[in-house]
Every structure is written in C-alpha cells, then in structure tokens.
Amino acid sequence: MKVATSIIIGRQATPALAAQAVSQAMQKADISIANSVLLLLSSEFASDPQPAIRAAAKAANCTQIFGCSAAGIFTEDDWVLDAPAAAAMVFGGDISIQQARLNHAQQALLTLTAPNAINNIWLNDGNKRYGGISGDVIGQGPFSVWQNGKGDSSGRSEAFFTGVQLASKASHGLKILTKPKKIQRTNGYDIELLDHKTPYSALQKAWDAHDKSKVQYKNVAPVQPNLVPSHLVMALFSNSAEGINEGNFSQTNLISCNEENGSITLAQPLQAGQFLSWGLRDQATAETDLRLTTQQLSQALGDKIDFGLLFSCLGRGPFYDGIDHDLQVITQQLPNMPLLGFYGNGEIATVAGENQLLPYSAVLTLFSAR
C-alpha cells in the first residue's frame, strides 16, 4: 500500500520540518515520487507557510500539495500542541488527491477551511463534505489553507481522492439527558416553552437526576451542587423526534438560562415545531461513540481499511486529561493504519443529508483502495 504518514516536531517553524516529514513518509511508503501530499502544519507556520509548502513539494517531487495549518496536528504515531511541527500523508500507486473541479463522480469532498471563509450557500452546494475548520489558533492566518502547492486566498481547500472508496461519519460524543420534546414557543434565540413546560425546569430536572448518578468528569472545574454546568450542555435539535433518537440531529451551544421566566438562550434560533433534547459533553460517552463509529465505518468498507483522516474539536482529544482519547480509540481498533488529522475550530460532516458545521465533534473518514 503506497500510503504513509510522518510527523516531525522541532524548536522552530522551519521548512526543513515539512521536508523531513514528507521524506520519512515516502520512505515508509517505499516511493521516490509522490502522486500528491496532504500536509498539515502547526499554527507557527500560519503567517507564512509557503516556504514549508515548497520544501514539501521538492521532497515529494510533485506539486500536488494540499493542507492547512492548525492549532494541533497528529498522525497514528504522535500528536502535538503548542510546538512547531509538520505532519504529512503521502500517496503513491493509484491513489492521489485531485482538485474538486475534476470530481465528476461526485465523491464526498475533503474540505479544509478557515472560519472566515464559511457560508451556508457554499457549505450546501450539492457536494457531500467532510473536514474541519483550520488555520492558526484564531483561524486568521493569511495562508492557513493551501492547495496545488500554494496558499489559497479564498481560505478554502476542496479535493477528492482517486482510486479509493470511502465512508465518513461524525461522532458527537454526547450523553443525551432528555427524550426529544417538541418546541412550542420561541422568541429569537430564546426557547420559552418546551412540551408545555419551561425549558429551564426540564433541563434542571434532568441534570438533578443525572447528578445523583454521581458520574465523575475529568478535567472539569467543580460546580455548585445541582447547578446545571451550561458550558457542558448542548442543545440537540431535529425536525422529528426520530431524527434525534437515530443520531441525525444538529446541535448548538447553550448561552444562558433565565431562572426567572424559565427560558433558555441558545447560540442559534430554533423554530416552534422542531424537537429538542439536552445533551452533555462527556468523555466516556465520546470514547464509546467514536469506537462505535469506527466499527460502523469499517464494516461499511468490508473491513478493508487502508488509511484514515480524523478531524477533532479543540475541546476533545487531549483536552480532557492530557491524553488524546480520540486518537487512542482509533489506533487501538485499526493498528498500523496510516492516519492524519488536526484539532480544529469546528468540524464538517454530512448529517441527515445536509452538510453541517459541528461543535465538539470528531469526524472520521476511512478509505479503502479499489
């Protein structure tokens, strides 16, 4: 199999890191010329990645260099945050990365984008997508996204793979606290009535029941007894109760709770008639859900997996307790599989037939050579 990865960590953000990452990956893949390279650079490169991109192209003997900068990057072997680093996945044989405009077979597009380059019209332009929100720590690096060996001023990179079949899915990793309830009244971003009750009372009741189970959370600051930890709660919504029960839901952050009138303010407005459940960000659930996702994708490809891409939220992975549990789950189930990815500012996946920008999720895509 002519696909391999390498990650190189240094003291300074120099082009040599990118060249070394590509060279070592090519040695592992046993190729002297790469068809294409997926290159990820740490945020230290974001202001001027072009020298590193050129160095990678020279080492690969090709100009098909795609990728982005990110706050943290990883392969199946290691992960890094807060240090200059380069990670590369090289492709030989019949597998290569191609520009989206050549995607006549309508394969799902690998999508890398800076936050300021996103809009809903583009996000749902008829193409299925998977990927992540990248760039430097704040996603504003001038060349944080690149394709065809050069920075892309649009802030977006779209591509597809030749010679493969793929399966992709988002893992939300949320513990659902309540059954789906119908929204009856809203006011802008506020949910005022949920199944004939105030939403805050329903959430508080659900949290009290959960809190009594004495589930312990790692790396979570202590909270006042019985106080809903709003920073860990997500609103899960769909046009039907079945959508939530089947995992085909959208999600948004809880902004604030009004104890006086019982309303709850969300990060985006919902509509009366939609269904809503409350979910809790939870490490154990995240691990279990990603393990199931990995199994489902493997089965969809007939258990013949050649490489994978993972896009994980900055609020997951090593941010739980200093260990990247997302990476650990995948490498335990698929040992020695070439894997590349980054910790981003958001994730992109197709959920219930619609491309969505997801928070606190992990989007896994597995590939099998034809």
Protein backbone atom coordinates (compact mmCIF):
# COMPACT_ATOMS: atom_id res chain seq x y z
CA MET A 1 0.00 0.00 0.00
CA LYS A 2 1.60 3.26 -1.14
CA VAL A 3 0.23 5.49 1.62
CA ALA A 4 2.16 6.50 4.74
CA THR A 5 2.46 9.31 7.28
CA SER A 6 5.13 11.01 9.34
CA ILE A 7 5.15 13.79 11.93
CA ILE A 8 8.20 15.89 12.81
CA ILE A 9 8.39 18.21 15.82
CA GLY A 10 11.00 20.95 16.10
CA ARG A 11 12.02 24.02 18.07
CA GLN A 12 11.43 26.46 15.22
CA ALA A 13 8.96 26.59 12.33
CA THR A 14 11.41 25.90 9.52
CA PRO A 15 10.79 24.48 6.01
CA ALA A 16 13.08 21.58 6.97
CA LEU A 17 10.36 20.16 9.21
CA ALA A 18 7.96 19.83 6.26
CA ALA A 19 10.65 18.34 4.02
CA GLN A 20 11.63 15.81 6.68
CA ALA A 21 8.01 14.80 7.34
CA VAL A 22 7.45 14.16 3.62
CA SER A 23 10.76 12.33 3.16
CA GLN A 24 10.16 10.00 6.09
CA ALA A 25 6.61 9.26 4.94
CA MET A 26 7.88 8.44 1.46
CA GLN A 27 10.46 6.05 2.89
CA LYS A 28 7.71 4.27 4.84
CA ALA A 29 5.55 4.09 1.70
CA ASP A 30 8.56 2.90 -0.33
CA ILE A 31 8.11 5.52 -3.06
CA SER A 32 10.54 8.03 -4.60
CA ILE A 33 7.89 10.22 -6.23
CA ALA A 34 4.56 11.04 -4.59
CA ASN A 35 1.37 11.49 -6.60
CA SER A 36 0.24 14.03 -4.00
CA VAL A 37 0.72 15.04 -0.38
CA LEU A 38 -1.63 16.07 2.40
CA LEU A 39 0.49 18.43 4.50
CA LEU A 40 -0.53 19.80 7.90
CA LEU A 41 1.49 22.48 9.67
CA SER A 42 1.26 23.80 13.22
CA SER A 43 0.00 27.35 13.80
CA GLU A 44 3.57 28.69 13.98
CA PHE A 45 3.64 28.38 10.17
CA ALA A 46 0.31 30.16 9.57
CA SER A 47 1.66 33.62 8.79
CA ASP A 48 3.99 32.37 6.03
CA PRO A 49 3.62 28.67 5.15
CA GLN A 50 4.82 28.99 1.53
CA PRO A 51 8.49 28.10 2.20
CA ALA A 52 7.40 24.94 4.01
CA ILE A 53 4.98 24.06 1.20
CA ARG A 54 7.77 24.47 -1.38
CA ALA A 55 10.09 22.31 0.72
CA ALA A 56 7.42 19.60 0.92
CA ALA A 57 6.86 19.75 -2.85
CA LYS A 58 10.61 19.42 -3.51
CA ALA A 59 10.90 16.43 -1.16
CA ALA A 60 7.84 14.77 -2.74
CA ASN A 61 8.87 15.55 -6.34
CA CYS A 62 5.34 16.78 -7.00
CA THR A 63 3.28 19.98 -6.80
CA GLN A 64 0.03 18.40 -5.63
CA ILE A 65 0.34 19.64 -2.03
CA PHE A 66 -2.93 20.13 -0.14
CA GLY A 67 -3.49 21.04 3.50
CA CYS A 68 -3.71 23.71 6.17
CA SER A 69 -2.29 24.99 9.43
CA ALA A 70 -3.93 24.10 12.72
CA ALA A 71 -3.51 24.57 16.46
CA GLY A 72 -2.65 20.89 16.83
CA ILE A 73 -1.83 18.10 14.38
CA PHE A 74 -1.36 14.34 14.62
CA THR A 75 -0.69 11.04 12.90
CA GLU A 76 -1.23 7.49 14.14
CA ASP A 77 2.15 7.73 15.86
CA ASP A 78 2.03 11.03 17.77
CA TRP A 79 0.22 14.30 18.36
CA VAL A 80 1.47 17.80 19.13
CA LEU A 81 0.15 21.08 20.51
CA ASP A 82 1.98 24.35 21.18
CA ALA A 83 5.15 23.39 19.31
CA PRO A 84 6.34 23.83 15.71
CA ALA A 85 5.53 20.67 13.76
CA ALA A 86 4.74 19.26 10.34
CA ALA A 87 2.74 16.14 9.52
CA ALA A 88 2.42 14.61 6.07
CA MET A 89 0.48 11.82 4.40
CA VAL A 90 1.95 10.81 1.03
CA PHE A 91 0.20 8.93 -1.76
CA GLY A 92 1.62 6.69 -4.47
CA GLY A 93 0.30 3.99 -6.78
CA ASP A 94 -3.24 4.59 -8.00
CA ILE A 95 -4.21 6.91 -5.13
CA SER A 96 -3.93 10.68 -5.42
CA ILE A 97 -5.61 13.92 -4.35
CA GLN A 98 -7.29 15.92 -7.09
CA GLN A 99 -8.94 19.33 -7.39
CA ALA A 100 -12.66 19.44 -6.66
CA ARG A 101 -13.48 20.75 -10.15
CA LEU A 102 -12.44 17.34 -11.54
CA ASN A 103 -14.80 15.48 -9.20
CA HIS A 104 -17.11 14.15 -11.93
CA ALA A 105 -18.09 11.08 -9.89
CA GLN A 106 -19.41 13.35 -7.11
CA GLN A 107 -17.30 11.78 -4.38
CA ALA A 108 -17.58 13.46 -0.96
CA LEU A 109 -15.11 16.35 -0.80
CA LEU A 110 -12.29 16.72 1.67
CA THR A 111 -12.94 20.26 2.88
CA LEU A 112 -10.47 22.43 4.80
CA THR A 113 -11.48 25.98 5.54
CA ALA A 114 -10.71 28.96 7.74
CA PRO A 115 -13.62 30.26 9.89
CA ASN A 116 -13.97 33.48 7.91
CA ALA A 117 -14.39 31.56 4.63
CA ILE A 118 -17.54 29.65 5.60
CA ASN A 119 -21.04 30.40 4.35
CA ASN A 120 -24.12 28.20 4.19
CA ILE A 121 -24.61 28.56 0.43
CA TRP A 122 -21.15 27.17 -0.25
CA LEU A 123 -21.39 24.59 2.54
CA ASN A 124 -24.50 23.05 0.97
CA ASP A 125 -23.77 23.46 -2.73
CA GLY A 126 -24.77 19.90 -3.61
CA ASN A 127 -21.50 18.21 -2.65
CA LYS A 128 -21.20 15.96 0.38
CA ARG A 129 -18.35 17.12 2.58
CA TYR A 130 -16.10 16.04 5.43
CA GLY A 131 -13.30 18.01 7.04
CA GLY A 132 -12.52 20.68 9.56
CA ILE A 133 -12.11 24.36 10.34
CA SER A 134 -8.42 25.10 10.37
CA GLY A 135 -5.86 27.88 10.29
CA ASP A 136 -3.89 29.23 13.21
CA VAL A 137 -5.33 29.41 16.72
CA ILE A 138 -7.90 32.02 15.67
CA GLY A 139 -8.17 30.78 12.08
CA GLN A 140 -6.94 34.03 10.55
CA GLY A 141 -3.52 33.11 9.15
CA PRO A 142 -3.05 34.71 5.71
CA PHE A 143 -2.13 31.36 4.09
CA SER A 144 -3.72 28.96 6.54
CA VAL A 145 -5.18 26.81 3.74
CA TRP A 146 -3.42 25.64 0.57
CA GLN A 147 -3.89 23.50 -2.50
CA ASN A 148 -1.83 22.76 -5.61
CA GLY A 149 1.30 23.75 -3.72
CA LYS A 150 0.31 27.32 -2.84
CA GLY A 151 -1.77 29.27 -0.36
CA ASP A 152 -5.39 29.80 -1.37
CA SER A 153 -6.67 33.34 -0.81
CA SER A 154 -10.26 32.08 -0.64
CA GLY A 155 -9.46 30.40 2.68
CA ARG A 156 -10.82 27.07 1.43
CA SER A 157 -9.36 23.89 0.01
CA GLU A 158 -11.59 21.27 -1.61
CA ALA A 159 -10.34 17.99 -3.02
CA PHE A 160 -11.18 14.34 -3.62
CA PHE A 161 -9.25 11.08 -3.74
CA THR A 162 -8.82 8.86 -6.78
CA GLY A 163 -8.59 5.10 -6.54
CA VAL A 164 -10.49 4.70 -3.29
CA GLN A 165 -13.84 4.05 -1.69
CA LEU A 166 -14.64 5.98 1.46
CA ALA A 167 -17.01 6.01 4.40
CA SER A 168 -17.39 9.05 6.64
CA LYS A 169 -19.35 9.87 9.77
CA ALA A 170 -19.47 12.38 12.61
CA SER A 171 -19.20 11.22 16.21
CA HIS A 172 -20.89 13.70 18.55
CA GLY A 173 -19.92 12.03 21.81
CA LEU A 174 -22.82 13.49 23.78
CA LYS A 175 -24.69 11.84 26.64
CA ILE A 176 -28.38 12.54 25.98
CA LEU A 177 -30.11 13.71 29.16
CA THR A 178 -33.71 14.04 27.96
CA LYS A 179 -36.07 12.47 25.46
CA PRO A 180 -36.95 14.65 22.44
CA LYS A 181 -39.54 17.30 23.31
CA LYS A 182 -41.48 19.50 20.91
CA ILE A 183 -40.67 23.21 20.94
CA GLN A 184 -43.88 25.18 21.39
CA ARG A 185 -42.75 28.78 21.70
CA THR A 186 -39.59 30.68 20.83
CA ASN A 187 -38.53 34.32 20.87
CA GLY A 188 -35.46 34.93 18.74
CA TYR A 189 -32.67 32.90 20.27
CA ASP A 190 -34.76 32.05 23.35
CA ILE A 191 -36.67 28.80 23.88
CA GLU A 192 -39.68 29.77 26.01
CA LEU A 193 -41.91 26.70 26.05
CA LEU A 194 -40.95 23.06 25.58
CA ASP A 195 -43.60 20.34 25.75
CA HIS A 196 -45.91 22.54 27.91
CA LYS A 197 -43.07 23.29 30.37
CA THR A 198 -40.37 25.90 30.70
CA PRO A 199 -37.15 24.52 29.21
CA TYR A 200 -35.03 25.50 32.21
CA SER A 201 -37.14 23.48 34.63
CA ALA A 202 -36.91 20.44 32.34
CA LEU A 203 -33.14 20.80 32.00
CA GLN A 204 -32.67 21.32 35.74
CA LYS A 205 -34.74 18.22 36.49
CA ALA A 206 -32.72 16.16 34.01
CA TRP A 207 -29.44 17.43 35.45
CA ASP A 208 -30.52 16.68 39.03
CA ALA A 209 -31.35 13.10 38.03
CA HIS A 210 -28.03 12.75 36.23
CA ASP A 211 -26.06 14.37 39.07
CA LYS A 212 -27.44 11.85 41.53
CA SER A 213 -25.84 9.06 39.50
CA LYS A 214 -22.52 10.54 40.70
CA VAL A 215 -20.87 10.32 37.31
CA GLN A 216 -17.40 11.83 37.66
CA TYR A 217 -15.92 14.09 35.00
CA LYS A 218 -12.22 14.54 34.48
CA ASN A 219 -10.72 17.95 33.87
CA VAL A 220 -13.96 19.75 34.77
CA ALA A 221 -13.90 22.56 37.30
CA PRO A 222 -16.08 21.94 40.39
CA VAL A 223 -19.54 23.42 40.14
CA GLN A 224 -22.09 24.39 42.77
CA PRO A 225 -24.19 21.37 43.76
CA ASN A 226 -27.19 20.90 41.45
CA LEU A 227 -26.19 23.85 39.27
CA VAL A 228 -26.51 22.99 35.57
CA PRO A 229 -23.00 23.17 34.00
CA SER A 230 -24.12 25.19 30.97
CA HIS A 231 -20.61 25.08 29.44
CA LEU A 232 -21.00 21.29 29.08
CA VAL A 233 -24.61 21.26 27.86
CA MET A 234 -25.57 21.19 24.17
CA ALA A 235 -29.00 21.62 22.58
CA LEU A 236 -29.72 18.78 20.14
CA PHE A 237 -32.47 19.53 17.63
CA SER A 238 -34.17 17.99 14.64
CA ASN A 239 -37.42 18.28 12.70
CA SER A 240 -38.56 15.00 14.26
CA ALA A 241 -38.11 13.03 17.46
CA GLU A 242 -36.86 10.11 15.35
CA GLY A 243 -34.05 12.25 13.98
CA ILE A 244 -32.67 12.81 17.47
CA ASN A 245 -33.17 9.20 18.53
CA GLU A 246 -31.31 7.99 15.43
CA GLY A 247 -28.42 10.43 15.89
CA ASN A 248 -29.34 12.57 12.88
CA PHE A 249 -29.51 15.85 14.78
CA SER A 250 -27.97 19.30 14.68
CA GLN A 251 -26.52 20.87 17.78
CA THR A 252 -25.86 24.28 19.20
CA ASN A 253 -24.42 25.78 22.38
CA LEU A 254 -26.40 26.84 25.42
CA ILE A 255 -25.65 30.51 26.11
CA SER A 256 -27.61 31.27 29.28
CA CYS A 257 -30.51 30.23 31.49
CA ASN A 258 -33.14 32.64 32.82
CA GLU A 259 -34.30 31.26 36.16
CA GLU A 260 -36.99 33.93 36.49
CA ASN A 261 -39.06 33.05 33.43
CA GLY A 262 -37.58 29.61 32.74
CA SER A 263 -36.35 30.40 29.21
CA ILE A 264 -33.02 29.30 27.75
CA THR A 265 -30.94 31.25 25.24
CA LEU A 266 -29.12 29.27 22.54
CA ALA A 267 -26.36 30.19 20.11
CA GLN A 268 -28.75 29.96 17.15
CA PRO A 269 -32.51 30.45 16.81
CA LEU A 270 -34.76 27.40 16.59
CA GLN A 271 -38.37 27.19 15.43
CA ALA A 272 -41.61 26.12 17.08
CA GLY A 273 -42.47 22.62 15.89
CA GLN A 274 -38.90 21.35 15.99
CA PHE A 275 -37.83 18.76 18.57
CA LEU A 276 -35.14 19.31 21.17
CA SER A 277 -33.14 17.21 23.63
CA TRP A 278 -30.40 18.23 26.03
CA GLY A 279 -27.00 16.58 25.66
CA LEU A 280 -23.96 16.62 27.90
CA ARG A 281 -20.33 16.64 26.75
CA ASP A 282 -18.88 13.56 28.34
CA GLN A 283 -15.51 11.83 27.92
CA ALA A 284 -16.73 8.27 28.44
CA THR A 285 -19.62 8.72 26.01
CA ALA A 286 -17.30 10.34 23.46
CA GLU A 287 -14.96 7.34 23.56
CA THR A 288 -17.80 4.83 23.30
CA ASP A 289 -19.45 6.70 20.43
CA LEU A 290 -16.21 7.06 18.44
CA ARG A 291 -15.47 3.37 18.94
CA LEU A 292 -18.90 2.51 17.53
CA THR A 293 -18.40 4.96 14.66
CA THR A 294 -15.08 3.34 13.77
CA GLN A 295 -16.68 -0.10 13.76
CA GLN A 296 -19.56 1.04 11.58
CA LEU A 297 -17.28 2.67 9.02
CA SER A 298 -15.01 -0.39 8.93
CA GLN A 299 -17.99 -2.65 8.29
CA ALA A 300 -19.25 -0.33 5.56
CA LEU A 301 -15.94 -0.78 3.72
CA GLY A 302 -15.83 -4.52 4.26
CA ASP A 303 -13.16 -4.26 6.97
CA LYS A 304 -10.50 -3.48 4.33
CA ILE A 305 -9.13 -0.15 5.56
CA ASP A 306 -6.02 1.40 4.02
CA PHE A 307 -5.88 4.87 5.60
CA GLY A 308 -7.97 7.39 7.50
CA LEU A 309 -8.48 11.09 8.22
CA LEU A 310 -9.72 12.46 11.53
CA PHE A 311 -10.85 15.98 12.32
CA SER A 312 -11.34 16.51 16.03
CA CYS A 313 -12.54 19.52 18.02
CA LEU A 314 -10.12 21.54 20.13
CA GLY A 315 -12.41 20.73 23.07
CA ARG A 316 -11.90 16.98 22.72
CA GLY A 317 -8.89 14.69 22.42
CA PRO A 318 -6.04 15.60 24.79
CA PHE A 319 -8.05 18.44 26.30
CA TYR A 320 -9.93 16.01 28.52
CA ASP A 321 -6.94 14.95 30.61
CA GLY A 322 -3.77 15.28 28.54
CA ILE A 323 -4.35 12.05 26.60
CA ASP A 324 -5.83 12.05 23.12
CA HIS A 325 -8.62 9.54 23.65
CA ASP A 326 -10.00 10.01 20.13
CA LEU A 327 -6.67 9.03 18.60
CA GLN A 328 -6.26 6.19 21.10
CA VAL A 329 -9.66 4.69 20.25
CA ILE A 330 -8.90 4.57 16.52
CA THR A 331 -5.33 3.27 16.76
CA GLN A 332 -6.45 0.50 19.11
CA GLN A 333 -9.13 -0.67 16.68
CA LEU A 334 -7.14 -0.10 13.50
CA PRO A 335 -3.49 -0.62 14.48
CA ASN A 336 -0.81 0.46 11.99
CA MET A 337 -3.35 2.23 9.77
CA PRO A 338 -1.92 5.49 8.34
CA LEU A 339 -3.93 8.27 10.00
CA LEU A 340 -3.67 12.04 9.68
CA GLY A 341 -5.66 14.86 11.21
CA PHE A 342 -5.85 18.01 13.26
CA TYR A 343 -7.60 19.68 16.18
CA GLY A 344 -9.81 22.37 14.70
CA ASN A 345 -12.21 25.19 15.42
CA GLY A 346 -15.16 23.10 14.17
CA GLU A 347 -15.89 20.03 12.10
CA ILE A 348 -17.70 19.49 8.79
CA ALA A 349 -19.81 16.41 8.07
CA THR A 350 -22.92 15.34 6.24
CA VAL A 351 -25.68 14.67 8.79
CA ALA A 352 -29.18 13.63 7.69
CA GLY A 353 -28.39 14.60 4.10
CA GLU A 354 -27.16 18.09 4.95
CA ASN A 355 -23.62 19.38 5.42
CA GLN A 356 -23.23 20.81 8.89
CA LEU A 357 -20.66 22.77 10.84
CA LEU A 358 -20.37 20.85 14.12
CA PRO A 359 -19.05 21.78 17.56
CA TYR A 360 -17.23 19.39 19.93
CA SER A 361 -17.37 16.53 17.43
CA ALA A 362 -14.95 14.18 15.72
CA VAL A 363 -15.35 13.47 12.00
CA LEU A 364 -13.74 10.21 10.91
CA THR A 365 -13.29 9.19 7.27
CA LEU A 366 -11.87 5.79 6.33
CA PHE A 367 -10.60 4.82 2.90
CA SER A 368 -10.18 1.54 1.07
CA ALA A 369 -8.15 1.20 -2.12
CA ARG A 370 -10.19 -0.11 -5.04
